[in-house]
PDB file of all heavy atoms in Angstrom:
ATOM      1  N   ARG A   1       9.389  12.529  -3.327  1.00  0.00           N
ATOM      2  CA  ARG A   1      10.160  12.290  -4.555  1.00  0.00           C
ATOM      3  C   ARG A   1       9.727  10.956  -5.088  1.00  0.00           C
ATOM      4  O   ARG A   1      10.008   9.793  -4.559  1.00  0.00           O
ATOM      5  CB  ARG A   1      11.679  12.225  -4.267  1.00  0.00           C
ATOM      6  CG  ARG A   1      12.149  13.693  -3.901  1.00  0.00           C
ATOM      7  CD  ARG A   1      13.596  13.837  -3.620  1.00  0.00           C
ATOM      8  NE  ARG A   1      14.388  13.146  -4.689  1.00  0.00           N
ATOM      9  CZ  ARG A   1      15.686  12.869  -4.535  1.00  0.00           C
ATOM     10  NH1 ARG A   1      16.256  13.152  -3.364  1.00  0.00           N
ATOM     11  NH2 ARG A   1      16.410  12.244  -5.403  1.00  0.00           N
ATOM     12  N   PRO A   2       9.063  10.912  -6.236  1.00  0.00           N
ATOM     13  CA  PRO A   2       8.528   9.677  -6.798  1.00  0.00           C
ATOM     14  C   PRO A   2       9.526   8.655  -7.155  1.00  0.00           C
ATOM     15  O   PRO A   2       9.250   7.470  -6.892  1.00  0.00           O
ATOM     16  CB  PRO A   2       7.829  10.157  -8.061  1.00  0.00           C
ATOM     17  CG  PRO A   2       7.756  11.653  -8.041  1.00  0.00           C
ATOM     18  CD  PRO A   2       8.750  12.050  -7.010  1.00  0.00           C
ATOM     19  N   GLU A   3      10.662   9.050  -7.522  1.00  0.00           N
ATOM     20  CA  GLU A   3      11.700   7.974  -7.862  1.00  0.00           C
ATOM     21  C   GLU A   3      12.123   7.233  -6.671  1.00  0.00           C
ATOM     22  O   GLU A   3      12.378   6.055  -6.681  1.00  0.00           O
ATOM     23  CB  GLU A   3      12.851   8.646  -8.668  1.00  0.00           C
ATOM     24  CG  GLU A   3      13.816   9.562  -7.797  1.00  0.00           C
ATOM     25  CD  GLU A   3      13.340  10.937  -7.655  1.00  0.00           C
ATOM     26  OE1 GLU A   3      12.191  11.335  -8.081  1.00  0.00           O
ATOM     27  OE2 GLU A   3      14.166  11.739  -7.196  1.00  0.00           O
ATOM     28  N   LEU A   4      12.234   7.921  -5.508  1.00  0.00           N
ATOM     29  CA  LEU A   4      12.617   7.221  -4.323  1.00  0.00           C
ATOM     30  C   LEU A   4      11.452   6.361  -3.806  1.00  0.00           C
ATOM     31  O   LEU A   4      11.672   5.164  -3.386  1.00  0.00           O
ATOM     32  CB  LEU A   4      12.962   8.188  -3.238  1.00  0.00           C
ATOM     33  CG  LEU A   4      14.342   8.975  -3.385  1.00  0.00           C
ATOM     34  CD1 LEU A   4      14.462  10.091  -2.289  1.00  0.00           C
ATOM     35  CD2 LEU A   4      15.400   8.026  -3.343  1.00  0.00           C
ATOM     36  N   LEU A   5      10.250   6.755  -3.895  1.00  0.00           N
ATOM     37  CA  LEU A   5       9.035   5.962  -3.533  1.00  0.00           C
ATOM     38  C   LEU A   5       8.964   4.677  -4.406  1.00  0.00           C
ATOM     39  O   LEU A   5       8.800   3.592  -3.885  1.00  0.00           O
ATOM     40  CB  LEU A   5       7.766   6.761  -3.683  1.00  0.00           C
ATOM     41  CG  LEU A   5       7.486   7.752  -2.654  1.00  0.00           C
ATOM     42  CD1 LEU A   5       6.193   8.478  -2.994  1.00  0.00           C
ATOM     43  CD2 LEU A   5       7.256   7.044  -1.293  1.00  0.00           C
ATOM     44  N   GLN A   6       9.235   4.819  -5.730  1.00  0.00           N
ATOM     45  CA  GLN A   6       9.169   3.663  -6.615  1.00  0.00           C
ATOM     46  C   GLN A   6      10.360   2.676  -6.304  1.00  0.00           C
ATOM     47  O   GLN A   6      10.154   1.465  -6.280  1.00  0.00           O
ATOM     48  CB  GLN A   6       9.246   4.103  -8.093  1.00  0.00           C
ATOM     49  CG  GLN A   6       8.045   4.775  -8.580  1.00  0.00           C
ATOM     50  CD  GLN A   6       8.195   5.335  -9.934  1.00  0.00           C
ATOM     51  OE1 GLN A   6       9.274   5.390 -10.503  1.00  0.00           O
ATOM     52  NE2 GLN A   6       7.057   5.752 -10.529  1.00  0.00           N
ATOM     53  N   ALA A   7      11.531   3.262  -6.069  1.00  0.00           N
ATOM     54  CA  ALA A   7      12.627   2.371  -5.716  1.00  0.00           C
ATOM     55  C   ALA A   7      12.378   1.566  -4.460  1.00  0.00           C
ATOM     56  O   ALA A   7      12.705   0.392  -4.372  1.00  0.00           O
ATOM     57  CB  ALA A   7      13.939   3.197  -5.584  1.00  0.00           C
ATOM     58  N   ILE A   8      11.841   2.235  -3.447  1.00  0.00           N
ATOM     59  CA  ILE A   8      11.579   1.555  -2.173  1.00  0.00           C
ATOM     60  C   ILE A   8      10.545   0.498  -2.394  1.00  0.00           C
ATOM     61  O   ILE A   8      10.524  -0.551  -1.858  1.00  0.00           O
ATOM     62  CB  ILE A   8      11.276   2.564  -1.064  1.00  0.00           C
ATOM     63  CG1 ILE A   8      12.490   3.278  -0.678  1.00  0.00           C
ATOM     64  CG2 ILE A   8      10.613   1.822   0.135  1.00  0.00           C
ATOM     65  CD1 ILE A   8      12.315   4.331   0.456  1.00  0.00           C
ATOM     66  N   ALA A   9       9.452   0.855  -3.103  1.00  0.00           N
ATOM     67  CA  ALA A   9       8.371  -0.027  -3.318  1.00  0.00           C
ATOM     68  C   ALA A   9       8.786  -1.234  -4.080  1.00  0.00           C
ATOM     69  O   ALA A   9       8.237  -2.357  -3.886  1.00  0.00           O
ATOM     70  CB  ALA A   9       7.222   0.666  -4.040  1.00  0.00           C
ATOM     71  N   SER A  10       9.874  -1.147  -4.905  1.00  0.00           N
ATOM     72  CA  SER A  10      10.356  -2.268  -5.683  1.00  0.00           C
ATOM     73  C   SER A  10      11.277  -3.178  -4.986  1.00  0.00           C
ATOM     74  O   SER A  10      11.664  -4.173  -5.457  1.00  0.00           O
ATOM     75  CB  SER A  10      10.954  -1.776  -6.995  1.00  0.00           C
ATOM     76  OG  SER A  10      12.235  -1.104  -6.684  1.00  0.00           O
ATOM     77  N   LEU A  11      11.748  -2.717  -3.763  1.00  0.00           N
ATOM     78  CA  LEU A  11      12.657  -3.670  -2.978  1.00  0.00           C
ATOM     79  C   LEU A  11      11.906  -4.896  -2.546  1.00  0.00           C
ATOM     80  O   LEU A  11      10.765  -4.924  -2.169  1.00  0.00           O
ATOM     81  CB  LEU A  11      13.115  -2.902  -1.740  1.00  0.00           C
ATOM     82  CG  LEU A  11      14.106  -1.734  -1.994  1.00  0.00           C
ATOM     83  CD1 LEU A  11      14.364  -1.050  -0.640  1.00  0.00           C
ATOM     84  CD2 LEU A  11      15.486  -2.294  -2.480  1.00  0.00           C
ATOM     85  N   PRO A  12      12.697  -6.019  -2.574  1.00  0.00           N
ATOM     86  CA  PRO A  12      12.073  -7.251  -2.091  1.00  0.00           C
ATOM     87  C   PRO A  12      11.743  -7.159  -0.640  1.00  0.00           C
ATOM     88  O   PRO A  12      12.531  -6.634   0.229  1.00  0.00           O
ATOM     89  CB  PRO A  12      13.167  -8.297  -2.363  1.00  0.00           C
ATOM     90  CG  PRO A  12      14.312  -7.609  -2.960  1.00  0.00           C
ATOM     91  CD  PRO A  12      14.018  -6.223  -3.030  1.00  0.00           C
ATOM     92  N   GLY A  13      10.615  -7.659  -0.258  1.00  0.00           N
ATOM     93  CA  GLY A  13      10.116  -7.686   1.136  1.00  0.00           C
ATOM     94  C   GLY A  13       9.457  -6.439   1.655  1.00  0.00           C
ATOM     95  O   GLY A  13       9.103  -6.352   2.770  1.00  0.00           O
ATOM     96  N   VAL A  14       9.379  -5.334   0.682  1.00  0.00           N
ATOM     97  CA  VAL A  14       8.703  -4.138   1.147  1.00  0.00           C
ATOM     98  C   VAL A  14       7.251  -4.224   0.711  1.00  0.00           C
ATOM     99  O   VAL A  14       6.983  -4.470  -0.470  1.00  0.00           O
ATOM    100  CB  VAL A  14       9.409  -2.899   0.506  1.00  0.00           C
ATOM    101  CG1 VAL A  14       8.634  -1.598   0.816  1.00  0.00           C
ATOM    102  CG2 VAL A  14      10.873  -2.822   0.948  1.00  0.00           C
ATOM    103  N   PRO A  15       6.361  -4.035   1.687  1.00  0.00           N
ATOM    104  CA  PRO A  15       4.902  -4.151   1.297  1.00  0.00           C
ATOM    105  C   PRO A  15       4.593  -3.049   0.349  1.00  0.00           C
ATOM    106  O   PRO A  15       5.123  -1.982   0.342  1.00  0.00           O
ATOM    107  CB  PRO A  15       4.232  -3.934   2.603  1.00  0.00           C
ATOM    108  CG  PRO A  15       5.216  -3.748   3.683  1.00  0.00           C
ATOM    109  CD  PRO A  15       6.590  -3.736   3.048  1.00  0.00           C
ATOM    110  N   GLU A  16       3.604  -3.270  -0.508  1.00  0.00           N
ATOM    111  CA  GLU A  16       3.140  -2.359  -1.489  1.00  0.00           C
ATOM    112  C   GLU A  16       2.641  -1.019  -0.917  1.00  0.00           C
ATOM    113  O   GLU A  16       2.739  -0.021  -1.477  1.00  0.00           O
ATOM    114  CB  GLU A  16       2.088  -2.993  -2.391  1.00  0.00           C
ATOM    115  CG  GLU A  16       2.583  -3.963  -3.358  1.00  0.00           C
ATOM    116  CD  GLU A  16       1.600  -4.471  -4.293  1.00  0.00           C
ATOM    117  OE1 GLU A  16       0.588  -3.793  -4.592  1.00  0.00           O
ATOM    118  OE2 GLU A  16       1.657  -5.594  -4.795  1.00  0.00           O
ATOM    119  N   ALA A  17       2.128  -1.215   0.326  1.00  0.00           N
ATOM    120  CA  ALA A  17       1.604   0.018   0.975  1.00  0.00           C
ATOM    121  C   ALA A  17       2.549   1.099   1.163  1.00  0.00           C
ATOM    122  O   ALA A  17       2.217   2.262   1.282  1.00  0.00           O
ATOM    123  CB  ALA A  17       0.995  -0.422   2.274  1.00  0.00           C
ATOM    124  N   VAL A  18       3.892   0.754   1.189  1.00  0.00           N
ATOM    125  CA  VAL A  18       4.891   1.760   1.428  1.00  0.00           C
ATOM    126  C   VAL A  18       4.833   2.831   0.322  1.00  0.00           C
ATOM    127  O   VAL A  18       5.067   3.985   0.543  1.00  0.00           O
ATOM    128  CB  VAL A  18       6.242   1.116   1.603  1.00  0.00           C
ATOM    129  CG1 VAL A  18       7.321   2.239   1.533  1.00  0.00           C
ATOM    130  CG2 VAL A  18       6.417   0.336   2.855  1.00  0.00           C
ATOM    131  N   GLY A  19       4.666   2.442  -0.881  1.00  0.00           N
ATOM    132  CA  GLY A  19       4.599   3.396  -1.966  1.00  0.00           C
ATOM    133  C   GLY A  19       3.310   4.086  -2.260  1.00  0.00           C
ATOM    134  O   GLY A  19       3.211   4.873  -3.145  1.00  0.00           O
ATOM    135  N   SER A  20       2.312   3.641  -1.559  1.00  0.00           N
ATOM    136  CA  SER A  20       0.942   4.142  -1.765  1.00  0.00           C
ATOM    137  C   SER A  20       0.837   5.606  -1.254  1.00  0.00           C
ATOM    138  O   SER A  20       1.511   5.914  -0.290  1.00  0.00           O
ATOM    139  CB  SER A  20      -0.082   3.195  -1.099  1.00  0.00           C
ATOM    140  OG  SER A  20      -0.036   3.393   0.189  1.00  0.00           O
ATOM    141  N   PRO A  21      -0.119   6.353  -1.840  1.00  0.00           N
ATOM    142  CA  PRO A  21      -0.315   7.767  -1.385  1.00  0.00           C
ATOM    143  C   PRO A  21      -0.693   7.826   0.110  1.00  0.00           C
ATOM    144  O   PRO A  21      -0.303   8.696   0.773  1.00  0.00           O
ATOM    145  CB  PRO A  21      -1.406   8.237  -2.291  1.00  0.00           C
ATOM    146  CG  PRO A  21      -1.404   7.343  -3.517  1.00  0.00           C
ATOM    147  CD  PRO A  21      -0.876   6.071  -2.998  1.00  0.00           C
ATOM    148  N   SER A  22      -1.493   6.842   0.601  1.00  0.00           N
ATOM    149  CA  SER A  22      -1.935   6.888   1.987  1.00  0.00           C
ATOM    150  C   SER A  22      -0.691   6.759   2.870  1.00  0.00           C
ATOM    151  O   SER A  22      -0.628   7.364   3.948  1.00  0.00           O
ATOM    152  CB  SER A  22      -2.932   5.827   2.318  1.00  0.00           C
ATOM    153  OG  SER A  22      -2.374   4.533   2.157  1.00  0.00           O
ATOM    154  N   TRP A  23       0.300   5.902   2.635  1.00  0.00           N
ATOM    155  CA  TRP A  23       1.514   5.735   3.413  1.00  0.00           C
ATOM    156  C   TRP A  23       2.255   7.018   3.459  1.00  0.00           C
ATOM    157  O   TRP A  23       2.740   7.549   4.386  1.00  0.00           O
ATOM    158  CB  TRP A  23       2.369   4.602   2.889  1.00  0.00           C
ATOM    159  CG  TRP A  23       3.533   4.259   3.809  1.00  0.00           C
ATOM    160  CD1 TRP A  23       3.537   3.669   4.889  1.00  0.00           C
ATOM    161  CD2 TRP A  23       4.835   4.837   3.557  1.00  0.00           C
ATOM    162  NE1 TRP A  23       4.877   3.610   5.421  1.00  0.00           N
ATOM    163  CE2 TRP A  23       5.621   4.341   4.567  1.00  0.00           C
ATOM    164  CE3 TRP A  23       5.492   5.567   2.548  1.00  0.00           C
ATOM    165  CZ2 TRP A  23       7.013   4.591   4.720  1.00  0.00           C
ATOM    166  CZ3 TRP A  23       6.832   5.846   2.612  1.00  0.00           C
ATOM    167  CH2 TRP A  23       7.519   5.386   3.713  1.00  0.00           C
ATOM    168  N   THR A  24       2.440   7.666   2.195  1.00  0.00           N
ATOM    169  CA  THR A  24       3.125   8.915   2.058  1.00  0.00           C
ATOM    170  C   THR A  24       2.462   9.979   2.871  1.00  0.00           C
ATOM    171  O   THR A  24       3.101  10.818   3.559  1.00  0.00           O
ATOM    172  CB  THR A  24       3.328   9.336   0.692  1.00  0.00           C
ATOM    173  OG1 THR A  24       3.881   8.290  -0.056  1.00  0.00           O
ATOM    174  CG2 THR A  24       4.111  10.598   0.399  1.00  0.00           C
ATOM    175  N   ASP A  25       1.254  10.111   2.759  1.00  0.00           N
ATOM    176  CA  ASP A  25       0.380  11.109   3.463  1.00  0.00           C
ATOM    177  C   ASP A  25       0.611  11.001   5.007  1.00  0.00           C
ATOM    178  O   ASP A  25       0.717  11.985   5.736  1.00  0.00           O
ATOM    179  CB  ASP A  25      -1.067  11.038   3.158  1.00  0.00           C
ATOM    180  CG  ASP A  25      -1.326  11.498   1.806  1.00  0.00           C
ATOM    181  OD1 ASP A  25      -0.491  12.150   1.152  1.00  0.00           O
ATOM    182  OD2 ASP A  25      -2.450  11.144   1.242  1.00  0.00           O
ATOM    183  N   GLN A  26       0.654   9.752   5.508  1.00  0.00           N
ATOM    184  CA  GLN A  26       0.799   9.571   6.929  1.00  0.00           C
ATOM    185  C   GLN A  26       2.208  10.025   7.345  1.00  0.00           C
ATOM    186  O   GLN A  26       2.344  10.559   8.485  1.00  0.00           O
ATOM    187  CB  GLN A  26       0.621   8.105   7.312  1.00  0.00           C
ATOM    188  CG  GLN A  26      -0.818   7.617   7.210  1.00  0.00           C
ATOM    189  CD  GLN A  26      -0.933   6.138   7.401  1.00  0.00           C
ATOM    190  OE1 GLN A  26       0.103   5.419   7.555  1.00  0.00           O
ATOM    191  NE2 GLN A  26      -2.168   5.623   7.460  1.00  0.00           N
ATOM    192  N   ARG A  27       3.199   9.823   6.530  1.00  0.00           N
ATOM    193  CA  ARG A  27       4.581  10.298   6.921  1.00  0.00           C
ATOM    194  C   ARG A  27       4.665  11.799   6.866  1.00  0.00           C
ATOM    195  O   ARG A  27       5.537  12.382   7.661  1.00  0.00           O
ATOM    196  CB  ARG A  27       5.562   9.745   5.949  1.00  0.00           C
ATOM    197  CG  ARG A  27       5.832   8.260   6.010  1.00  0.00           C
ATOM    198  CD  ARG A  27       7.054   7.892   6.705  1.00  0.00           C
ATOM    199  NE  ARG A  27       8.141   8.848   6.442  1.00  0.00           N
ATOM    200  CZ  ARG A  27       9.331   8.654   6.640  1.00  0.00           C
ATOM    201  NH1 ARG A  27       9.737   7.450   6.974  1.00  0.00           N
ATOM    202  NH2 ARG A  27      10.247   9.510   6.481  1.00  0.00           N
ATOM    203  N   ASN A  28       3.917  12.517   6.071  1.00  0.00           N
ATOM    204  CA  ASN A  28       3.974  13.927   5.888  1.00  0.00           C
ATOM    205  C   ASN A  28       3.057  14.734   6.790  1.00  0.00           C
ATOM    206  O   ASN A  28       3.222  15.948   6.900  1.00  0.00           O
ATOM    207  CB  ASN A  28       3.726  14.362   4.433  1.00  0.00           C
ATOM    208  CG  ASN A  28       4.966  14.038   3.634  1.00  0.00           C
ATOM    209  OD1 ASN A  28       6.042  13.980   4.082  1.00  0.00           O
ATOM    210  ND2 ASN A  28       4.627  13.718   2.362  1.00  0.00           N
ATOM    211  N   THR A  29       2.029  14.041   7.292  1.00  0.00           N
ATOM    212  CA  THR A  29       1.023  14.754   8.071  1.00  0.00           C
ATOM    213  C   THR A  29       1.425  15.015   9.527  1.00  0.00           C
ATOM    214  O   THR A  29       1.801  14.119  10.223  1.00  0.00           O
ATOM    215  CB  THR A  29      -0.292  13.963   7.975  1.00  0.00           C
ATOM    216  OG1 THR A  29      -0.608  13.786   6.606  1.00  0.00           O
ATOM    217  CG2 THR A  29      -1.468  14.756   8.628  1.00  0.00           C
ATOM    218  N   GLU A  30       1.255  16.253   9.897  1.00  0.00           N
ATOM    219  CA  GLU A  30       1.409  16.604  11.373  1.00  0.00           C
ATOM    220  C   GLU A  30       0.079  16.586  11.921  1.00  0.00           C
ATOM    221  O   GLU A  30      -0.979  16.780  11.305  1.00  0.00           O
ATOM    222  CB  GLU A  30       1.969  17.963  11.478  1.00  0.00           C
ATOM    223  CG  GLU A  30       3.481  18.172  11.224  1.00  0.00           C
ATOM    224  CD  GLU A  30       4.040  19.506  11.651  1.00  0.00           C
ATOM    225  OE1 GLU A  30       3.780  20.465  10.781  1.00  0.00           O
ATOM    226  OE2 GLU A  30       4.517  19.608  12.761  1.00  0.00           O
ATOM    227  N   ASP A  31       0.091  16.391  13.214  1.00  0.00           N
ATOM    228  CA  ASP A  31      -1.235  16.512  13.969  1.00  0.00           C
ATOM    229  C   ASP A  31      -1.689  17.966  13.981  1.00  0.00           C
ATOM    230  O   ASP A  31      -0.825  18.902  14.075  1.00  0.00           O
ATOM    231  CB  ASP A  31      -0.962  16.014  15.364  1.00  0.00           C
ATOM    232  CG  ASP A  31      -2.186  15.926  16.239  1.00  0.00           C
ATOM    233  OD1 ASP A  31      -2.858  16.954  16.463  1.00  0.00           O
ATOM    234  OD2 ASP A  31      -2.522  14.801  16.615  1.00  0.00           O
ATOM    235  N   VAL A  32      -2.909  18.223  13.830  1.00  0.00           N
ATOM    236  CA  VAL A  32      -3.419  19.523  13.890  1.00  0.00           C
ATOM    237  C   VAL A  32      -3.090  20.312  15.045  1.00  0.00           C
ATOM    238  O   VAL A  32      -2.683  21.491  15.070  1.00  0.00           O
ATOM    239  CB  VAL A  32      -5.007  19.495  13.677  1.00  0.00           C
ATOM    240  CG1 VAL A  32      -5.590  20.959  13.883  1.00  0.00           C
ATOM    241  CG2 VAL A  32      -5.400  18.916  12.311  1.00  0.00           C
ATOM    242  N   ILE A  33      -3.048  19.631  16.218  1.00  0.00           N
ATOM    243  CA  ILE A  33      -2.653  20.215  17.445  1.00  0.00           C
ATOM    244  C   ILE A  33      -1.217  20.738  17.425  1.00  0.00           C
ATOM    245  O   ILE A  33      -0.889  21.824  17.998  1.00  0.00           O
ATOM    246  CB  ILE A  33      -2.846  19.265  18.704  1.00  0.00           C
ATOM    247  CG1 ILE A  33      -4.274  18.841  18.747  1.00  0.00           C
ATOM    248  CG2 ILE A  33      -2.372  19.841  19.994  1.00  0.00           C
ATOM    249  CD1 ILE A  33      -5.313  19.972  18.889  1.00  0.00           C
ATOM    250  N   ASP A  34      -0.370  20.124  16.748  1.00  0.00           N
ATOM    251  CA  ASP A  34       1.087  20.532  16.660  1.00  0.00           C
ATOM    252  C   ASP A  34       1.116  21.858  15.925  1.00  0.00           C
ATOM    253  O   ASP A  34       1.787  22.828  16.407  1.00  0.00           O
ATOM    254  CB  ASP A  34       1.927  19.512  15.812  1.00  0.00           C
ATOM    255  CG  ASP A  34       2.081  18.167  16.526  1.00  0.00           C
ATOM    256  OD1 ASP A  34       2.013  18.177  17.744  1.00  0.00           O
ATOM    257  OD2 ASP A  34       2.295  17.184  15.785  1.00  0.00           O
ATOM    258  N   VAL A  35       0.368  22.006  14.882  1.00  0.00           N
ATOM    259  CA  VAL A  35       0.414  23.259  14.136  1.00  0.00           C
ATOM    260  C   VAL A  35      -0.267  24.377  14.921  1.00  0.00           C
ATOM    261  O   VAL A  35       0.239  25.490  14.978  1.00  0.00           O
ATOM    262  CB  VAL A  35      -0.339  23.114  12.726  1.00  0.00           C
ATOM    263  CG1 VAL A  35      -0.425  24.477  11.985  1.00  0.00           C
ATOM    264  CG2 VAL A  35       0.330  21.981  11.886  1.00  0.00           C
TER     265      VAL A  35
END
């Protein structure tokens, strides 16, 4: 949800990487072995 990503990225003290696509991809990606 982009609005949640933007809100979290705008919080003081939250690194910019949290809102980046690579951070989101890491949170959503399962290991191939799991699948």
